[in-house]
């Protein structure tokens, strides 16, 4: 058994959010119905653009994941609002019809522009064609080939729907262990009869409809090389945990870890530093994610390759080194105070 496959304690359950996209609404609905233990009425997807259900999944027998499955309507009437449902997702599963394989590139660009640190699983449903047919017809053109190679896309042929969730669970545990949040991409080929026993399920794939693009923050890749250069040049009081992680110690508040590739901040509370109760559930859940959002200002810089996203991370570092109850934003202080409440002391 590898270190990634070490069973979690029985009472420790990993709760994650999954989204399902794609123009094959029949496939998505049937997939949700097949896997879910509890589900809201499917009419919710037609009325508000999404239907939510719960999936209990045991990975490697003793590691339990509780997935909230968000089945998102991708048809034209709801396309303008679907991206609002992506927030907080651990992974996105996209069902791709063998008749519209080009939609892989469109969904890939859409999600990559909006979400960092995500696992994407494209499931190509085979009805009349084979895996080799699809690869020879689509994957050898320049755009597909470039996308696959530059993003280390893993291509598989699978025969059970559980293998889709196995891939997601393995990557989730790997991220937790190694604290690396790189995007991970899969393209899975799966024959229709092996996915759905219902012979009446048909391929009625709609076209790709681009979502609303106004008033959203498009994700920009952080120039980590330039950012690290200036962190070192300014001689900031930080420690590099690894190539992409820095640790900031605040005397009054505790320890913060910042992921340089997207600016995410994780907090190890002061109350947990002093705690000697190693069975405390709060201690096991540390570190906690802290939301520090970009404000209205566009910011400025005249340094080539060092723009607003890099400046924002640098600002977070300064703020967290010297931050206290008088100068940190209220929203950040509220999160820190909430996390610093000791559950044992509360009782």
Protein backbone atom coordinates (compact mmCIF):
# COMPACT_ATOMS: atom_id res chain seq x y z
CA UNK A 1 0.00 0.00 0.00
CA UNK A 2 1.42 3.40 -0.98
CA UNK A 3 1.53 6.39 1.35
CA UNK A 4 -1.33 7.91 -0.60
CA UNK A 5 -3.50 4.90 0.13
CA UNK A 6 -3.16 4.98 3.92
CA UNK A 7 -6.69 4.61 5.31
CA UNK A 8 -8.15 7.65 7.04
CA UNK A 9 -9.55 7.29 10.52
CA UNK A 10 -13.06 5.88 10.36
CA UNK A 11 -14.69 9.05 11.74
CA UNK A 12 -12.81 11.30 9.33
CA UNK A 13 -14.90 11.93 6.20
CA UNK A 14 -13.75 14.06 3.26
CA UNK A 15 -16.51 16.30 1.93
CA UNK A 16 -16.04 17.61 -1.60
CA UNK A 17 -18.07 19.36 -4.27
CA UNK A 18 -18.27 17.98 -7.82
CA UNK A 19 -19.80 19.67 -10.86
CA UNK A 20 -21.12 17.92 -13.98
CA UNK A 21 -21.09 19.79 -17.29
CA UNK A 22 -21.65 18.96 -20.95
CA UNK A 23 -24.38 19.24 -23.54
CA UNK A 24 -25.58 15.65 -23.03
CA UNK A 25 -28.24 16.39 -20.41
CA UNK A 26 -29.66 12.84 -20.61
CA UNK A 27 -26.29 11.34 -19.73
CA UNK A 28 -25.74 13.76 -16.85
CA UNK A 29 -29.17 13.15 -15.33
CA UNK A 30 -28.80 9.38 -15.54
CA UNK A 31 -25.27 9.51 -14.07
CA UNK A 32 -26.54 11.59 -11.14
CA UNK A 33 -29.49 9.27 -10.59
CA UNK A 34 -27.31 6.17 -10.69
CA UNK A 35 -24.70 7.34 -8.17
CA UNK A 36 -26.69 9.46 -5.72
CA UNK A 37 -27.98 8.33 -2.34
CA UNK A 38 -30.09 11.47 -1.91
CA UNK A 39 -31.16 13.95 -4.56
CA UNK A 40 -33.31 17.02 -5.00
CA UNK A 41 -36.01 16.78 -7.71
CA UNK A 42 -34.54 16.97 -11.22
CA UNK A 43 -36.96 19.84 -11.95
CA UNK A 44 -34.53 22.06 -10.06
CA UNK A 45 -32.12 21.92 -13.00
CA UNK A 46 -34.78 23.15 -15.39
CA UNK A 47 -35.97 25.86 -13.00
CA UNK A 48 -32.75 27.28 -11.55
CA UNK A 49 -30.05 25.74 -13.74
CA UNK A 50 -28.67 23.13 -11.33
CA UNK A 51 -29.71 20.04 -9.40
CA UNK A 52 -27.82 18.88 -6.30
CA UNK A 53 -27.46 15.39 -4.87
CA UNK A 54 -25.29 13.51 -2.38
CA UNK A 55 -22.92 10.69 -3.33
CA UNK A 56 -21.34 8.49 -0.64
CA UNK A 57 -18.19 6.95 -2.07
CA UNK A 58 -15.66 4.66 -0.38
CA UNK A 59 -12.19 4.95 -1.86
CA UNK A 60 -9.84 2.10 -0.96
CA UNK A 61 -12.49 0.66 1.39
CA UNK A 62 -11.91 2.83 4.48
CA UNK A 63 -11.56 6.30 2.98
CA UNK A 64 -15.00 7.83 2.71
CA UNK A 65 -15.80 10.78 0.48
CA UNK A 66 -19.09 12.61 0.69
CA UNK A 67 -19.57 14.32 -2.67
CA UNK A 68 -22.14 16.99 -3.32
CA UNK A 69 -22.87 16.52 -7.01
CA UNK A 70 -23.94 19.67 -8.85
CA UNK A 71 -25.61 18.72 -12.13
CA UNK A 72 -25.43 21.97 -14.13
CA UNK A 73 -27.69 22.77 -17.09
CA UNK A 74 -25.53 23.70 -20.10
CA UNK A 75 -28.33 24.41 -22.58
CA UNK A 76 -28.63 27.85 -24.14
CA UNK A 77 -31.36 29.32 -21.84
CA UNK A 78 -29.19 28.73 -18.74
CA UNK A 79 -25.72 29.19 -20.20
CA UNK A 80 -25.37 32.76 -18.97
CA UNK A 81 -25.39 31.74 -15.30
CA UNK A 82 -23.73 28.32 -15.11
CA UNK A 83 -20.32 29.62 -14.02
CA UNK A 84 -21.74 30.90 -10.72
CA UNK A 85 -22.09 27.25 -9.66
CA UNK A 86 -18.37 26.43 -10.11
CA UNK A 87 -17.12 28.09 -6.92
CA UNK A 88 -15.64 25.66 -4.39
CA UNK A 89 -15.59 22.62 -6.69
CA UNK A 90 -12.92 19.99 -6.12
CA UNK A 91 -13.40 18.59 -9.61
CA UNK A 92 -15.53 18.96 -12.73
CA UNK A 93 -16.78 16.01 -14.79
CA UNK A 94 -17.70 16.88 -18.37
CA UNK A 95 -19.67 14.42 -20.50
CA UNK A 96 -18.63 14.67 -24.13
CA UNK A 97 -20.60 13.21 -27.02
CA UNK A 98 -18.57 11.28 -29.60
CA UNK A 99 -20.29 13.46 -32.21
CA UNK A 100 -19.00 16.72 -30.68
CA UNK A 101 -15.53 15.98 -29.36
CA UNK A 102 -14.41 19.51 -30.26
CA UNK A 103 -16.35 20.72 -27.21
CA UNK A 104 -13.43 19.50 -25.07
CA UNK A 105 -11.37 22.51 -26.18
CA UNK A 106 -14.23 24.94 -25.53
CA UNK A 107 -14.99 23.70 -22.00
CA UNK A 108 -11.26 23.48 -21.25
CA UNK A 109 -10.72 27.16 -22.10
CA UNK A 110 -13.84 28.19 -20.18
CA UNK A 111 -12.85 26.47 -16.94
CA UNK A 112 -9.14 27.20 -17.12
CA UNK A 113 -9.94 30.92 -17.39
CA UNK A 114 -12.13 30.88 -14.29
CA UNK A 115 -10.83 28.31 -11.82
CA UNK A 116 -7.38 27.52 -10.50
CA UNK A 117 -6.52 24.29 -8.70
CA UNK A 118 -9.12 22.02 -10.23
CA UNK A 119 -9.36 18.44 -11.53
CA UNK A 120 -11.20 18.12 -14.85
CA UNK A 121 -12.39 14.74 -16.13
CA UNK A 122 -13.65 14.67 -19.74
CA UNK A 123 -15.75 11.55 -20.33
CA UNK A 124 -16.14 10.71 -24.00
CA UNK A 125 -19.13 8.37 -24.33
CA UNK A 126 -18.57 5.79 -27.07
CA UNK A 127 -21.62 4.56 -29.01
CA UNK A 128 -20.73 3.95 -32.64
CA UNK A 129 -16.98 4.63 -32.54
CA UNK A 130 -13.93 3.26 -30.76
CA UNK A 131 -11.27 5.02 -28.73
CA UNK A 132 -8.81 4.80 -31.65
CA UNK A 133 -11.39 6.26 -34.05
CA UNK A 134 -11.74 9.36 -31.89
CA UNK A 135 -7.99 9.77 -31.29
CA UNK A 136 -7.16 9.49 -34.98
CA UNK A 137 -9.91 11.90 -36.02
CA UNK A 138 -9.48 14.64 -33.40
CA UNK A 139 -6.45 14.33 -31.16
CA UNK A 140 -3.80 14.58 -33.86
CA UNK A 141 -4.62 18.10 -34.97
CA UNK A 142 -2.34 20.86 -33.69
CA UNK A 143 -4.71 22.44 -31.16
CA UNK A 144 -5.72 19.17 -29.49
CA UNK A 145 -2.18 17.86 -29.52
CA UNK A 146 -0.86 21.05 -27.94
CA UNK A 147 -3.54 21.04 -25.22
CA UNK A 148 -2.85 17.41 -24.30
CA UNK A 149 0.94 17.71 -24.20
CA UNK A 150 1.27 21.11 -22.51
CA UNK A 151 -1.17 20.18 -19.74
CA UNK A 152 -0.05 16.56 -19.20
CA UNK A 153 -3.55 15.26 -19.94
CA UNK A 154 -3.95 11.61 -18.93
CA UNK A 155 -5.88 9.51 -21.46
CA UNK A 156 -7.62 6.35 -20.25
CA UNK A 157 -10.18 3.79 -21.30
CA UNK A 158 -12.44 2.95 -18.37
CA UNK A 159 -15.23 0.44 -17.87
CA UNK A 160 -16.99 1.54 -14.67
CA UNK A 161 -18.36 4.87 -13.50
CA UNK A 162 -16.60 4.31 -10.14
CA UNK A 163 -13.25 4.73 -11.93
CA UNK A 164 -14.15 8.37 -12.61
CA UNK A 165 -14.57 9.01 -8.88
CA UNK A 166 -11.45 6.96 -8.09
CA UNK A 167 -9.37 9.35 -10.21
CA UNK A 168 -10.80 12.36 -8.41
CA UNK A 169 -10.26 10.84 -4.95
CA UNK A 170 -6.65 9.92 -5.67
CA UNK A 171 -5.80 13.44 -6.85
CA UNK A 172 -7.62 14.96 -3.86
CA UNK A 173 -5.59 12.87 -1.40
CA UNK A 174 -2.40 13.66 -3.28
CA UNK A 175 -3.08 17.38 -3.02
CA UNK A 176 -3.75 17.07 0.70
CA UNK A 177 -0.53 15.15 1.31
CA UNK A 178 1.87 17.16 -0.82
CA UNK A 179 0.09 20.55 -0.61
CA UNK A 180 0.41 21.04 -4.35
CA UNK A 181 -2.62 22.41 -6.14
CA UNK A 182 -1.79 22.05 -9.82
CA UNK A 183 -4.65 21.53 -12.25
CA UNK A 184 -5.06 17.88 -13.27
CA UNK A 185 -6.75 16.73 -16.47
CA UNK A 186 -8.14 13.38 -17.62
CA UNK A 187 -9.76 12.24 -20.85
CA UNK A 188 -11.65 9.00 -20.23
CA UNK A 189 -13.23 6.88 -22.96
CA UNK A 190 -16.15 4.81 -21.73
CA UNK A 191 -18.58 2.66 -23.77
CA UNK A 192 -22.20 3.71 -23.32
CA UNK A 193 -23.56 0.23 -22.34
CA UNK A 194 -21.02 0.03 -19.50
CA UNK A 195 -22.04 3.41 -18.13
CA UNK A 196 -25.81 3.15 -18.40
CA UNK A 197 -27.95 0.03 -18.30
CA UNK A 198 -30.97 1.98 -19.54
CA UNK A 199 -31.18 1.33 -23.32
CA UNK A 200 -33.46 4.34 -23.77
CA UNK A 201 -30.69 6.84 -22.91
CA UNK A 202 -29.78 8.57 -26.18
CA UNK A 203 -27.13 10.98 -27.36
CA UNK A 204 -28.97 14.28 -27.76
CA UNK A 205 -26.04 16.62 -27.35
CA UNK A 206 -26.68 20.35 -27.55
CA UNK A 207 -24.19 22.82 -28.97
CA UNK A 208 -21.69 24.60 -26.75
CA UNK A 209 -23.01 27.95 -25.52
CA UNK A 210 -20.51 30.39 -24.07
CA UNK A 211 -21.37 31.63 -20.56
CA UNK A 212 -21.69 35.25 -19.49
CA UNK A 213 -18.27 36.93 -19.43
CA UNK A 214 -19.10 40.38 -18.06
CA UNK A 215 -18.28 41.31 -14.47
CA UNK A 216 -16.28 38.20 -13.64
CA UNK A 217 -12.69 37.86 -12.58
CA UNK A 218 -10.87 35.85 -15.24
CA UNK A 219 -8.09 33.78 -13.73
CA UNK A 220 -4.58 34.85 -14.69
CA UNK A 221 -1.58 32.57 -14.30
CA UNK A 222 0.77 33.91 -11.64
CA UNK A 223 4.35 34.68 -12.66
CA UNK A 224 5.87 32.79 -9.72
CA UNK A 225 9.45 33.20 -10.94
CA UNK A 226 9.16 36.98 -10.90
CA UNK A 227 7.20 36.95 -7.63
CA UNK A 228 9.84 34.87 -5.80
CA UNK A 229 12.55 37.15 -7.17
CA UNK A 230 10.97 40.20 -5.51
CA UNK A 231 10.16 38.38 -2.28
CA UNK A 232 13.86 37.52 -1.95
CA UNK A 233 14.96 41.01 -3.04
CA UNK A 234 12.77 42.67 -0.39
CA UNK A 235 14.17 40.30 2.26
CA UNK A 236 10.73 39.62 3.68
CA UNK A 237 10.48 37.65 6.90
CA UNK A 238 8.99 34.51 5.34
CA UNK A 239 10.00 30.87 5.03
CA UNK A 240 9.75 28.81 1.84
CA UNK A 241 8.04 25.53 2.68
CA UNK A 242 8.54 24.29 -0.87
CA UNK A 243 8.94 25.72 -4.36
CA UNK A 244 5.42 27.17 -4.45
CA UNK A 245 4.56 27.65 -0.75
CA UNK A 246 5.68 30.31 1.72
CA UNK A 247 4.98 30.45 5.44
CA UNK A 248 4.26 33.73 7.22
CA UNK A 249 4.37 33.80 11.03
CA UNK A 250 2.30 36.49 12.72
CA UNK A 251 3.15 36.94 16.41
CA UNK A 252 -0.41 37.74 17.44
CA UNK A 253 -2.53 35.68 15.06
CA UNK A 254 -0.64 32.50 14.17
CA UNK A 255 0.82 30.98 11.02
CA UNK A 256 -0.32 31.61 7.44
CA UNK A 257 0.68 29.60 4.36
CA UNK A 258 0.36 31.19 0.91
CA UNK A 259 0.26 29.19 -2.32
CA UNK A 260 2.15 31.35 -4.81
CA UNK A 261 0.52 29.94 -7.93
CA UNK A 262 -2.91 31.35 -7.12
CA UNK A 263 -2.57 33.38 -3.91
CA UNK A 264 -4.71 31.08 -1.75
CA UNK A 265 -4.11 31.61 1.98
CA UNK A 266 -4.36 28.89 4.64
CA UNK A 267 -4.36 29.64 8.36
CA UNK A 268 -3.02 27.63 11.30
CA UNK A 269 -4.67 29.32 14.29
CA UNK A 270 -2.85 30.55 17.37
CA UNK A 271 -5.21 28.59 19.63
CA UNK A 272 -4.07 25.34 17.95
CA UNK A 273 -0.36 26.19 18.42
CA UNK A 274 -0.82 26.14 22.19
CA UNK A 275 -3.12 23.13 22.28
CA UNK A 276 -1.77 19.84 23.60
CA UNK A 277 -4.89 17.82 22.82
CA UNK A 278 -3.71 15.78 19.81
CA UNK A 279 -7.15 14.18 19.43
CA UNK A 280 -8.83 17.54 18.79
CA UNK A 281 -10.82 17.50 15.54
CA UNK A 282 -10.07 21.19 14.95
CA UNK A 283 -6.34 20.46 15.04
CA UNK A 284 -6.78 17.68 12.48
CA UNK A 285 -8.68 19.99 10.14
CA UNK A 286 -5.96 22.68 10.20
CA UNK A 287 -4.90 24.62 8.23
CA UNK A 288 -8.08 26.51 7.33
CA UNK A 289 -8.66 28.40 4.09
CA UNK A 290 -8.88 32.19 4.50
CA UNK A 291 -10.62 34.21 1.79
CA UNK A 292 -8.75 37.43 0.92
CA UNK A 293 -10.35 38.82 -2.22
CA UNK A 294 -9.26 41.34 -4.81
CA UNK A 295 -10.84 44.76 -4.33
CA UNK A 296 -12.17 47.26 -6.85
CA UNK A 297 -8.82 48.88 -7.68
CA UNK A 298 -7.02 47.71 -10.79
CA UNK A 299 -3.58 48.48 -9.32
CA UNK A 300 -0.52 49.36 -11.40
CA UNK A 301 3.12 48.46 -12.00
CA UNK A 302 5.74 49.29 -14.59
CA UNK A 303 7.65 46.03 -14.12
CA UNK A 304 7.29 43.72 -17.09
CA UNK A 305 5.69 40.43 -16.07
CA UNK A 306 4.77 41.71 -12.60
CA UNK A 307 1.15 42.77 -12.74
CA UNK A 308 -1.90 42.97 -10.50
CA UNK A 309 -2.09 39.25 -9.53
CA UNK A 310 1.56 39.19 -8.39
CA UNK A 311 1.13 42.49 -6.55
CA UNK A 312 -1.92 41.12 -4.76
CA UNK A 313 0.07 38.16 -3.39
CA UNK A 314 2.88 40.48 -2.33
CA UNK A 315 0.31 42.66 -0.55
CA UNK A 316 -1.06 39.61 1.26
CA UNK A 317 2.44 38.75 2.49
CA UNK A 318 2.98 42.25 3.90
CA UNK A 319 -0.48 42.31 5.47
CA UNK A 320 -0.12 38.93 7.14
CA UNK A 321 3.36 39.67 8.53
CA UNK A 322 2.29 42.87 10.29
CA UNK A 323 -1.45 42.29 10.52
CA UNK A 324 -3.41 42.81 13.72
CA UNK A 325 -6.94 43.58 14.90
CA UNK A 326 -6.54 47.24 13.99
CA UNK A 327 -5.35 47.06 10.41
CA UNK A 328 -6.66 43.86 8.79
CA UNK A 329 -9.98 43.99 6.85
CA UNK A 330 -13.07 43.10 8.86
CA UNK A 331 -13.90 40.15 6.61
CA UNK A 332 -10.46 38.61 7.25
CA UNK A 333 -10.58 39.27 11.01
CA UNK A 334 -14.03 37.70 11.21
CA UNK A 335 -12.72 34.48 9.63
CA UNK A 336 -9.65 34.41 11.89
CA UNK A 337 -11.69 34.98 15.07
CA UNK A 338 -14.15 32.27 14.09
CA UNK A 339 -11.36 29.74 13.50
CA UNK A 340 -9.55 30.68 16.74
CA UNK A 341 -12.45 29.59 18.96
CA UNK A 342 -11.41 26.41 20.74
CA UNK A 343 -14.17 23.81 20.58
CA UNK A 344 -12.99 22.25 23.84
CA UNK A 345 -13.06 25.62 25.64
CA UNK A 346 -16.51 26.39 24.26
CA UNK A 347 -17.91 23.29 25.95
